[in-house]
Amino acid sequence: MSDLVRLSFPAAFIISAVHLTAAELVCGYRRGWLSEHDVVTITLSSYGKGVEQSGPEKDLALLLSDELDRVPQLMGEIAESLKPEADSSPVWLFLALTWVYEHRADYLDPLEVVEMLFTDFDYPDEMQGIVRFIPPLPGAATGNRAIEGRWKDYLTRKAAEYADRP
């Protein structure tokens, strides 16, 4: 990924949107999308919901605020214990697109940010219809308003999909 768009996500946003797997948590931390404090908050939320966690994940969840310097080591332990897992990019794409959509008033051109995310996430097919320079499917409406409608529809579909995850 080229990282044209620099984002970071607060724990409350992540927790409200999706339950991250351990691999997704590691990915988000390593990419700089999550701070040490947010990693602890997210794992604590999962712990409180009774989600099964590894030893290092439990240790993360129970860290005190003055122990945040242990986060890199614990995230390394989690990463080492992971089996090869599916790509973590789809959940982060969903989160990035959700964040930008919810904060689009903060961006001069939110659809340009979508285009940069398209590049950052290696041109995912699932973004067809929400990138201005890719023609929509035949018969689909054109223009920025139509693109924003498809963007919202994409987020609604993905939110329902991720809501079903344990």
N, C-alpha and C. Protein backbone atom coordinates (compact mmCIF):
# COMPACT_ATOMS: atom_id res chain seq x y z
N MET A 1 0.84 -1.18 0.00
CA MET A 1 0.00 0.00 0.00
C MET A 1 0.88 1.24 0.00
N SER A 2 0.39 2.27 -0.64
CA SER A 2 1.18 3.48 -0.77
C SER A 2 0.91 4.50 0.34
N ASP A 3 -0.16 4.34 1.07
CA ASP A 3 -0.51 5.24 2.16
C ASP A 3 -0.64 6.69 1.73
N LEU A 4 -1.42 6.94 0.70
CA LEU A 4 -1.71 8.31 0.29
C LEU A 4 -2.57 9.02 1.32
N VAL A 5 -3.39 8.27 2.03
CA VAL A 5 -4.29 8.83 3.03
C VAL A 5 -3.80 8.39 4.41
N ARG A 6 -3.54 9.35 5.26
CA ARG A 6 -3.12 9.07 6.63
C ARG A 6 -4.34 9.16 7.53
N LEU A 7 -4.70 8.05 8.13
CA LEU A 7 -5.85 8.01 9.02
C LEU A 7 -5.45 7.35 10.32
N SER A 8 -6.14 7.71 11.37
CA SER A 8 -6.07 6.95 12.61
C SER A 8 -7.50 6.88 13.12
N PHE A 9 -7.79 5.79 13.79
CA PHE A 9 -9.16 5.54 14.19
C PHE A 9 -9.25 5.42 15.71
N PRO A 10 -10.15 6.17 16.33
CA PRO A 10 -10.33 6.02 17.77
C PRO A 10 -10.98 4.68 18.09
N ALA A 11 -10.66 4.17 19.24
CA ALA A 11 -11.19 2.87 19.66
C ALA A 11 -12.71 2.84 19.63
N ALA A 12 -13.35 3.91 20.08
CA ALA A 12 -14.82 3.93 20.13
C ALA A 12 -15.42 3.74 18.73
N PHE A 13 -14.79 4.31 17.72
CA PHE A 13 -15.26 4.13 16.35
C PHE A 13 -15.13 2.67 15.92
N ILE A 14 -13.98 2.06 16.19
CA ILE A 14 -13.74 0.65 15.81
C ILE A 14 -14.74 -0.24 16.53
N ILE A 15 -14.87 -0.07 17.83
CA ILE A 15 -15.74 -0.92 18.63
C ILE A 15 -17.19 -0.82 18.15
N SER A 16 -17.61 0.37 17.74
CA SER A 16 -18.99 0.53 17.28
C SER A 16 -19.21 -0.06 15.89
N ALA A 17 -18.14 -0.24 15.14
CA ALA A 17 -18.27 -0.67 13.75
C ALA A 17 -18.07 -2.17 13.54
N VAL A 18 -17.11 -2.77 14.25
CA VAL A 18 -16.74 -4.15 13.93
C VAL A 18 -15.93 -4.75 15.08
N HIS A 19 -16.04 -6.07 15.21
CA HIS A 19 -15.15 -6.79 16.11
C HIS A 19 -13.92 -7.20 15.30
N LEU A 20 -12.75 -6.69 15.69
CA LEU A 20 -11.53 -7.03 14.96
C LEU A 20 -10.99 -8.39 15.41
N THR A 21 -10.52 -9.15 14.45
CA THR A 21 -9.78 -10.37 14.78
C THR A 21 -8.41 -9.95 15.29
N ALA A 22 -7.68 -10.89 15.87
CA ALA A 22 -6.33 -10.59 16.35
C ALA A 22 -5.45 -10.12 15.19
N ALA A 23 -5.57 -10.78 14.04
CA ALA A 23 -4.77 -10.39 12.87
C ALA A 23 -5.11 -8.98 12.41
N GLU A 24 -6.38 -8.63 12.43
CA GLU A 24 -6.80 -7.29 12.02
C GLU A 24 -6.31 -6.24 13.01
N LEU A 25 -6.32 -6.59 14.29
CA LEU A 25 -5.81 -5.68 15.32
C LEU A 25 -4.33 -5.42 15.10
N VAL A 26 -3.57 -6.48 14.87
CA VAL A 26 -2.13 -6.35 14.62
C VAL A 26 -1.90 -5.49 13.37
N CYS A 27 -2.63 -5.77 12.32
CA CYS A 27 -2.50 -5.00 11.07
C CYS A 27 -2.75 -3.52 11.32
N GLY A 28 -3.83 -3.19 12.00
CA GLY A 28 -4.17 -1.79 12.27
C GLY A 28 -3.12 -1.09 13.12
N TYR A 29 -2.58 -1.81 14.08
CA TYR A 29 -1.54 -1.23 14.93
C TYR A 29 -0.26 -0.99 14.13
N ARG A 30 0.14 -2.01 13.38
CA ARG A 30 1.38 -1.89 12.61
C ARG A 30 1.28 -0.82 11.52
N ARG A 31 0.10 -0.59 10.99
CA ARG A 31 -0.08 0.44 9.97
C ARG A 31 -0.20 1.84 10.57
N GLY A 32 -0.26 1.93 11.89
CA GLY A 32 -0.38 3.23 12.53
C GLY A 32 -1.80 3.75 12.60
N TRP A 33 -2.77 2.90 12.32
CA TRP A 33 -4.17 3.31 12.36
C TRP A 33 -4.72 3.27 13.78
N LEU A 34 -4.04 2.56 14.67
CA LEU A 34 -4.46 2.44 16.07
C LEU A 34 -3.30 2.82 16.98
N SER A 35 -3.60 3.60 17.99
CA SER A 35 -2.58 3.95 18.99
C SER A 35 -2.49 2.83 20.03
N GLU A 36 -1.48 2.90 20.87
CA GLU A 36 -1.35 1.91 21.95
C GLU A 36 -2.58 1.93 22.84
N HIS A 37 -3.03 3.13 23.19
CA HIS A 37 -4.21 3.24 24.05
C HIS A 37 -5.44 2.63 23.39
N ASP A 38 -5.61 2.88 22.10
CA ASP A 38 -6.77 2.33 21.39
C ASP A 38 -6.72 0.81 21.30
N VAL A 39 -5.53 0.25 21.10
CA VAL A 39 -5.38 -1.21 21.07
C VAL A 39 -5.84 -1.80 22.40
N VAL A 40 -5.43 -1.18 23.49
CA VAL A 40 -5.83 -1.68 24.82
C VAL A 40 -7.34 -1.55 24.99
N THR A 41 -7.89 -0.43 24.60
CA THR A 41 -9.34 -0.22 24.74
C THR A 41 -10.13 -1.23 23.92
N ILE A 42 -9.68 -1.52 22.72
CA ILE A 42 -10.37 -2.48 21.85
C ILE A 42 -10.29 -3.89 22.43
N THR A 43 -9.11 -4.29 22.90
CA THR A 43 -9.00 -5.64 23.47
C THR A 43 -9.76 -5.75 24.79
N LEU A 44 -9.80 -4.66 25.56
CA LEU A 44 -10.58 -4.67 26.79
C LEU A 44 -12.07 -4.81 26.49
N SER A 45 -12.54 -4.15 25.46
CA SER A 45 -13.94 -4.27 25.06
C SER A 45 -14.27 -5.72 24.67
N SER A 46 -13.39 -6.33 23.90
CA SER A 46 -13.60 -7.73 23.51
C SER A 46 -13.58 -8.64 24.73
N TYR A 47 -12.64 -8.39 25.61
CA TYR A 47 -12.53 -9.17 26.85
C TYR A 47 -13.83 -9.05 27.66
N GLY A 48 -14.35 -7.83 27.76
CA GLY A 48 -15.58 -7.59 28.51
C GLY A 48 -16.80 -8.26 27.89
N LYS A 49 -16.74 -8.51 26.58
CA LYS A 49 -17.85 -9.18 25.88
C LYS A 49 -17.69 -10.69 25.90
N GLY A 50 -16.62 -11.18 26.54
CA GLY A 50 -16.42 -12.61 26.64
C GLY A 50 -15.83 -13.25 25.40
N VAL A 51 -15.25 -12.44 24.51
CA VAL A 51 -14.62 -12.98 23.31
C VAL A 51 -13.37 -13.74 23.73
N GLU A 52 -13.20 -14.95 23.16
CA GLU A 52 -12.02 -15.76 23.49
C GLU A 52 -10.76 -15.03 23.02
N GLN A 53 -9.78 -14.95 23.92
CA GLN A 53 -8.54 -14.25 23.61
C GLN A 53 -7.33 -15.09 24.01
N SER A 54 -6.23 -14.86 23.30
CA SER A 54 -4.97 -15.51 23.64
C SER A 54 -4.40 -14.84 24.90
N GLY A 55 -3.35 -15.44 25.46
CA GLY A 55 -2.70 -14.86 26.63
C GLY A 55 -2.25 -13.43 26.42
N PRO A 56 -1.52 -13.15 25.33
CA PRO A 56 -1.09 -11.77 25.11
C PRO A 56 -2.26 -10.79 24.90
N GLU A 57 -3.34 -11.27 24.30
CA GLU A 57 -4.50 -10.39 24.13
C GLU A 57 -5.12 -10.05 25.49
N LYS A 58 -5.21 -11.04 26.37
CA LYS A 58 -5.72 -10.79 27.72
C LYS A 58 -4.80 -9.82 28.45
N ASP A 59 -3.49 -10.02 28.29
CA ASP A 59 -2.53 -9.12 28.92
C ASP A 59 -2.73 -7.69 28.42
N LEU A 60 -2.96 -7.55 27.11
CA LEU A 60 -3.22 -6.22 26.52
C LEU A 60 -4.47 -5.61 27.14
N ALA A 61 -5.52 -6.40 27.21
CA ALA A 61 -6.80 -5.91 27.71
C ALA A 61 -6.70 -5.40 29.14
N LEU A 62 -5.81 -5.98 29.90
CA LEU A 62 -5.72 -5.66 31.32
C LEU A 62 -4.56 -4.72 31.66
N LEU A 63 -3.92 -4.16 30.65
CA LEU A 63 -2.83 -3.22 30.91
C LEU A 63 -3.35 -1.97 31.61
N LEU A 64 -2.54 -1.46 32.51
CA LEU A 64 -2.84 -0.19 33.14
C LEU A 64 -2.33 0.93 32.25
N SER A 65 -2.86 2.12 32.43
CA SER A 65 -2.48 3.23 31.55
C SER A 65 -1.00 3.57 31.61
N ASP A 66 -0.33 3.25 32.70
CA ASP A 66 1.11 3.52 32.78
C ASP A 66 1.95 2.36 32.25
N GLU A 67 1.31 1.35 31.65
CA GLU A 67 2.02 0.21 31.08
C GLU A 67 1.94 0.15 29.55
N LEU A 68 1.54 1.25 28.92
CA LEU A 68 1.36 1.25 27.47
C LEU A 68 2.66 0.96 26.72
N ASP A 69 3.79 1.12 27.37
CA ASP A 69 5.06 0.80 26.71
C ASP A 69 5.20 -0.70 26.43
N ARG A 70 4.34 -1.52 27.02
CA ARG A 70 4.35 -2.96 26.78
C ARG A 70 3.57 -3.37 25.53
N VAL A 71 2.80 -2.44 24.98
CA VAL A 71 1.95 -2.76 23.83
C VAL A 71 2.75 -3.31 22.65
N PRO A 72 3.85 -2.67 22.22
CA PRO A 72 4.59 -3.23 21.07
C PRO A 72 5.03 -4.68 21.28
N GLN A 73 5.52 -5.00 22.46
CA GLN A 73 5.96 -6.37 22.75
C GLN A 73 4.78 -7.34 22.69
N LEU A 74 3.66 -6.97 23.30
CA LEU A 74 2.49 -7.85 23.30
C LEU A 74 1.91 -8.00 21.90
N MET A 75 1.91 -6.93 21.13
CA MET A 75 1.42 -7.03 19.75
C MET A 75 2.34 -7.96 18.94
N GLY A 76 3.64 -7.91 19.22
CA GLY A 76 4.58 -8.82 18.57
C GLY A 76 4.29 -10.26 18.92
N GLU A 77 3.97 -10.51 20.18
CA GLU A 77 3.64 -11.88 20.63
C GLU A 77 2.36 -12.36 19.95
N ILE A 78 1.39 -11.48 19.83
CA ILE A 78 0.15 -11.86 19.15
C ILE A 78 0.45 -12.19 17.69
N ALA A 79 1.23 -11.34 17.05
CA ALA A 79 1.56 -11.56 15.63
C ALA A 79 2.28 -12.89 15.43
N GLU A 80 3.20 -13.22 16.33
CA GLU A 80 3.94 -14.48 16.22
C GLU A 80 3.03 -15.69 16.39
N SER A 81 1.98 -15.56 17.17
CA SER A 81 1.10 -16.70 17.45
C SER A 81 0.03 -16.91 16.37
N LEU A 82 -0.09 -15.97 15.45
CA LEU A 82 -1.14 -16.06 14.45
C LEU A 82 -0.82 -17.10 13.39
N LYS A 83 -1.83 -17.83 13.03
CA LYS A 83 -1.73 -18.73 11.88
C LYS A 83 -1.94 -17.88 10.64
N PRO A 84 -1.45 -18.34 9.50
CA PRO A 84 -1.74 -17.57 8.28
C PRO A 84 -3.25 -17.39 8.16
N GLU A 85 -3.65 -16.14 8.01
CA GLU A 85 -5.07 -15.82 7.99
C GLU A 85 -5.39 -15.03 6.73
N ALA A 86 -6.63 -14.95 6.45
CA ALA A 86 -7.07 -14.17 5.30
C ALA A 86 -6.59 -12.73 5.43
N ASP A 87 -6.55 -12.06 4.32
CA ASP A 87 -6.13 -10.68 4.23
C ASP A 87 -6.97 -9.79 5.16
N SER A 88 -6.31 -8.92 5.92
CA SER A 88 -7.00 -8.00 6.82
C SER A 88 -7.47 -6.74 6.12
N SER A 89 -7.09 -6.57 4.87
CA SER A 89 -7.42 -5.33 4.15
C SER A 89 -8.91 -5.04 4.05
N PRO A 90 -9.78 -6.02 3.78
CA PRO A 90 -11.20 -5.67 3.60
C PRO A 90 -11.82 -4.96 4.80
N VAL A 91 -11.52 -5.40 6.00
CA VAL A 91 -12.12 -4.73 7.16
C VAL A 91 -11.57 -3.32 7.31
N TRP A 92 -10.29 -3.13 7.01
CA TRP A 92 -9.71 -1.79 7.12
C TRP A 92 -10.20 -0.88 6.00
N LEU A 93 -10.46 -1.43 4.84
CA LEU A 93 -11.06 -0.64 3.77
C LEU A 93 -12.44 -0.17 4.20
N PHE A 94 -13.23 -1.08 4.74
CA PHE A 94 -14.56 -0.73 5.24
C PHE A 94 -14.46 0.37 6.30
N LEU A 95 -13.55 0.21 7.24
CA LEU A 95 -13.40 1.20 8.31
C LEU A 95 -12.96 2.56 7.75
N ALA A 96 -12.00 2.54 6.84
CA ALA A 96 -11.53 3.80 6.25
C ALA A 96 -12.64 4.50 5.47
N LEU A 97 -13.37 3.74 4.66
CA LEU A 97 -14.46 4.34 3.89
C LEU A 97 -15.59 4.83 4.80
N THR A 98 -15.85 4.12 5.87
CA THR A 98 -16.86 4.55 6.83
C THR A 98 -16.43 5.84 7.51
N TRP A 99 -15.17 5.88 7.95
CA TRP A 99 -14.65 7.06 8.63
C TRP A 99 -14.75 8.29 7.71
N VAL A 100 -14.29 8.14 6.49
CA VAL A 100 -14.31 9.27 5.57
C VAL A 100 -15.76 9.68 5.27
N TYR A 101 -16.64 8.70 5.09
CA TYR A 101 -18.05 9.02 4.81
C TYR A 101 -18.66 9.79 5.99
N GLU A 102 -18.43 9.31 7.20
CA GLU A 102 -19.01 9.96 8.37
C GLU A 102 -18.41 11.33 8.63
N HIS A 103 -17.20 11.57 8.14
CA HIS A 103 -16.51 12.85 8.35
C HIS A 103 -16.29 13.59 7.03
N ARG A 104 -17.11 13.31 6.03
CA ARG A 104 -16.87 13.89 4.70
C ARG A 104 -16.92 15.41 4.70
N ALA A 105 -17.63 16.01 5.64
CA ALA A 105 -17.66 17.48 5.72
C ALA A 105 -16.28 18.05 6.11
N ASP A 106 -15.43 17.20 6.68
CA ASP A 106 -14.09 17.63 7.09
C ASP A 106 -13.09 17.61 5.93
N TYR A 107 -13.50 17.08 4.81
CA TYR A 107 -12.60 16.95 3.65
C TYR A 107 -13.04 17.90 2.54
N LEU A 108 -12.08 18.54 1.92
CA LEU A 108 -12.37 19.43 0.80
C LEU A 108 -13.05 18.67 -0.33
N ASP A 109 -12.55 17.47 -0.63
CA ASP A 109 -13.11 16.63 -1.69
C ASP A 109 -13.10 15.17 -1.21
N PRO A 110 -14.16 14.75 -0.51
CA PRO A 110 -14.16 13.39 0.03
C PRO A 110 -14.05 12.31 -1.05
N LEU A 111 -14.56 12.56 -2.24
CA LEU A 111 -14.45 11.55 -3.30
C LEU A 111 -13.00 11.42 -3.78
N GLU A 112 -12.22 12.46 -3.64
CA GLU A 112 -10.79 12.35 -3.95
C GLU A 112 -10.10 11.46 -2.91
N VAL A 113 -10.53 11.57 -1.66
CA VAL A 113 -9.99 10.71 -0.60
C VAL A 113 -10.35 9.25 -0.91
N VAL A 114 -11.57 9.02 -1.38
CA VAL A 114 -11.98 7.66 -1.78
C VAL A 114 -11.05 7.15 -2.87
N GLU A 115 -10.72 7.99 -3.84
CA GLU A 115 -9.82 7.59 -4.92
C GLU A 115 -8.43 7.25 -4.38
N MET A 116 -7.96 8.01 -3.40
CA MET A 116 -6.66 7.71 -2.81
C MET A 116 -6.71 6.39 -2.02
N LEU A 117 -7.82 6.14 -1.34
CA LEU A 117 -7.98 4.87 -0.64
C LEU A 117 -8.01 3.71 -1.63
N PHE A 118 -8.64 3.93 -2.77
CA PHE A 118 -8.65 2.92 -3.84
C PHE A 118 -7.22 2.53 -4.20
N THR A 119 -6.35 3.50 -4.31
CA THR A 119 -4.94 3.24 -4.60
C THR A 119 -4.26 2.59 -3.40
N ASP A 120 -4.47 3.14 -2.21
CA ASP A 120 -3.82 2.60 -1.01
C ASP A 120 -4.16 1.13 -0.76
N PHE A 121 -5.37 0.73 -1.11
CA PHE A 121 -5.80 -0.64 -0.88
C PHE A 121 -5.67 -1.51 -2.13
N ASP A 122 -4.80 -1.10 -3.03
CA ASP A 122 -4.46 -1.90 -4.23
C ASP A 122 -5.64 -2.18 -5.14
N TYR A 123 -6.48 -1.17 -5.37
CA TYR A 123 -7.51 -1.20 -6.40
C TYR A 123 -8.54 -2.32 -6.23
N PRO A 124 -9.19 -2.39 -5.06
CA PRO A 124 -10.14 -3.49 -4.84
C PRO A 124 -11.37 -3.38 -5.74
N ASP A 125 -11.77 -4.52 -6.29
CA ASP A 125 -12.95 -4.58 -7.16
C ASP A 125 -14.21 -4.10 -6.47
N GLU A 126 -14.30 -4.33 -5.16
CA GLU A 126 -15.51 -3.98 -4.43
C GLU A 126 -15.77 -2.47 -4.39
N MET A 127 -14.79 -1.67 -4.81
CA MET A 127 -14.98 -0.22 -4.83
C MET A 127 -15.53 0.28 -6.17
N GLN A 128 -15.78 -0.64 -7.11
CA GLN A 128 -16.35 -0.21 -8.38
C GLN A 128 -17.67 0.50 -8.11
N GLY A 129 -17.84 1.61 -8.75
CA GLY A 129 -19.05 2.39 -8.57
C GLY A 129 -18.91 3.53 -7.59
N ILE A 130 -17.85 3.50 -6.77
CA ILE A 130 -17.66 4.61 -5.83
C ILE A 130 -16.36 5.37 -6.09
N VAL A 131 -15.73 5.08 -7.20
CA VAL A 131 -14.52 5.79 -7.60
C VAL A 131 -14.88 6.55 -8.88
N ARG A 132 -14.66 7.84 -8.87
CA ARG A 132 -15.13 8.69 -9.98
C ARG A 132 -14.54 8.31 -11.33
N PHE A 133 -13.29 7.89 -11.38
CA PHE A 133 -12.68 7.65 -12.68
C PHE A 133 -12.94 6.25 -13.22
N ILE A 134 -13.73 5.45 -12.50
CA ILE A 134 -14.14 4.13 -12.98
C ILE A 134 -15.61 4.24 -13.39
N PRO A 135 -15.91 3.96 -14.64
CA PRO A 135 -17.32 4.08 -15.07
C PRO A 135 -18.22 3.15 -14.25
N PRO A 136 -19.41 3.63 -13.92
CA PRO A 136 -20.35 2.77 -13.18
C PRO A 136 -20.85 1.65 -14.10
N LEU A 137 -21.50 0.70 -13.51
CA LEU A 137 -22.10 -0.38 -14.29
C LEU A 137 -23.09 0.21 -15.28
N PRO A 138 -23.29 -0.46 -16.42
CA PRO A 138 -24.24 0.05 -17.41
C PRO A 138 -25.62 0.29 -16.78
N GLY A 139 -26.16 1.43 -17.08
CA GLY A 139 -27.48 1.79 -16.57
C GLY A 139 -27.47 2.47 -15.22
N ALA A 140 -26.33 2.48 -14.53
CA ALA A 140 -26.26 3.13 -13.22
C ALA A 140 -26.16 4.63 -13.38
N ALA A 141 -26.70 5.34 -12.43
CA ALA A 141 -26.67 6.80 -12.46
C ALA A 141 -25.22 7.28 -12.35
N THR A 142 -24.97 8.45 -12.89
CA THR A 142 -23.63 9.04 -12.85
C THR A 142 -23.66 10.32 -12.02
N GLY A 143 -22.49 10.84 -11.75
CA GLY A 143 -22.37 12.07 -10.99
C GLY A 143 -22.04 11.81 -9.53
N ASN A 144 -21.59 12.85 -8.87
CA ASN A 144 -21.13 12.73 -7.48
C ASN A 144 -22.23 12.26 -6.54
N ARG A 145 -23.44 12.75 -6.73
CA ARG A 145 -24.54 12.34 -5.84
C ARG A 145 -24.80 10.84 -5.96
N ALA A 146 -24.77 10.32 -7.18
CA ALA A 146 -24.98 8.88 -7.41
C ALA A 146 -23.84 8.08 -6.79
N ILE A 147 -22.62 8.58 -6.93
CA ILE A 147 -21.47 7.90 -6.34
C ILE A 147 -21.61 7.84 -4.82
N GLU A 148 -22.00 8.96 -4.22
CA GLU A 148 -22.19 8.97 -2.76
C GLU A 148 -23.29 8.00 -2.34
N GLY A 149 -24.33 7.87 -3.15
CA GLY A 149 -25.39 6.90 -2.85
C GLY A 149 -24.86 5.47 -2.89
N ARG A 150 -24.04 5.15 -3.88
CA ARG A 150 -23.45 3.80 -3.96
C ARG A 150 -22.46 3.58 -2.82
N TRP A 151 -21.75 4.62 -2.45
CA TRP A 151 -20.82 4.55 -1.32
C TRP A 151 -21.59 4.20 -0.05
N LYS A 152 -22.69 4.90 0.20
CA LYS A 152 -23.52 4.64 1.37
C LYS A 152 -24.08 3.22 1.32
N ASP A 153 -24.54 2.77 0.15
CA ASP A 153 -25.06 1.41 0.01
C ASP A 153 -23.97 0.38 0.34
N TYR A 154 -22.77 0.61 -0.15
CA TYR A 154 -21.64 -0.29 0.13
C TYR A 154 -21.41 -0.38 1.64
N LEU A 155 -21.39 0.77 2.31
CA LEU A 155 -21.15 0.79 3.76
C LEU A 155 -22.26 0.06 4.51
N THR A 156 -23.49 0.22 4.07
CA THR A 156 -24.62 -0.45 4.71
C THR A 156 -24.50 -1.97 4.57
N ARG A 157 -24.16 -2.44 3.35
CA ARG A 157 -23.98 -3.88 3.12
C ARG A 157 -22.85 -4.44 3.98
N LYS A 158 -21.71 -3.75 3.98
CA LYS A 158 -20.55 -4.24 4.73
C LYS A 158 -20.81 -4.18 6.24
N ALA A 159 -21.49 -3.15 6.70
CA ALA A 159 -21.80 -3.05 8.14
C ALA A 159 -22.65 -4.25 8.57
N ALA A 160 -23.61 -4.63 7.74
CA ALA A 160 -24.45 -5.79 8.06
C ALA A 160 -23.60 -7.07 8.07
N GLU A 161 -22.70 -7.17 7.12
CA GLU A 161 -21.82 -8.34 7.05
C GLU A 161 -20.94 -8.43 8.29
N TYR A 162 -20.35 -7.32 8.69
CA TYR A 162 -19.45 -7.33 9.85
C TYR A 162 -20.21 -7.44 11.16
N ALA A 163 -21.47 -7.03 11.18
CA ALA A 163 -22.27 -7.14 12.40
C ALA A 163 -22.52 -8.60 12.76
N ASP A 164 -22.47 -9.48 11.75
CA ASP A 164 -22.72 -10.90 11.98
C ASP A 164 -21.49 -11.64 12.49
N ARG A 165 -20.35 -10.95 12.54
CA ARG A 165 -19.14 -11.62 13.03
C ARG A 165 -19.19 -11.75 14.54
N PRO A 166 -18.60 -12.84 15.05
CA PRO A 166 -18.59 -13.00 16.53
C PRO A 166 -17.71 -11.97 17.20
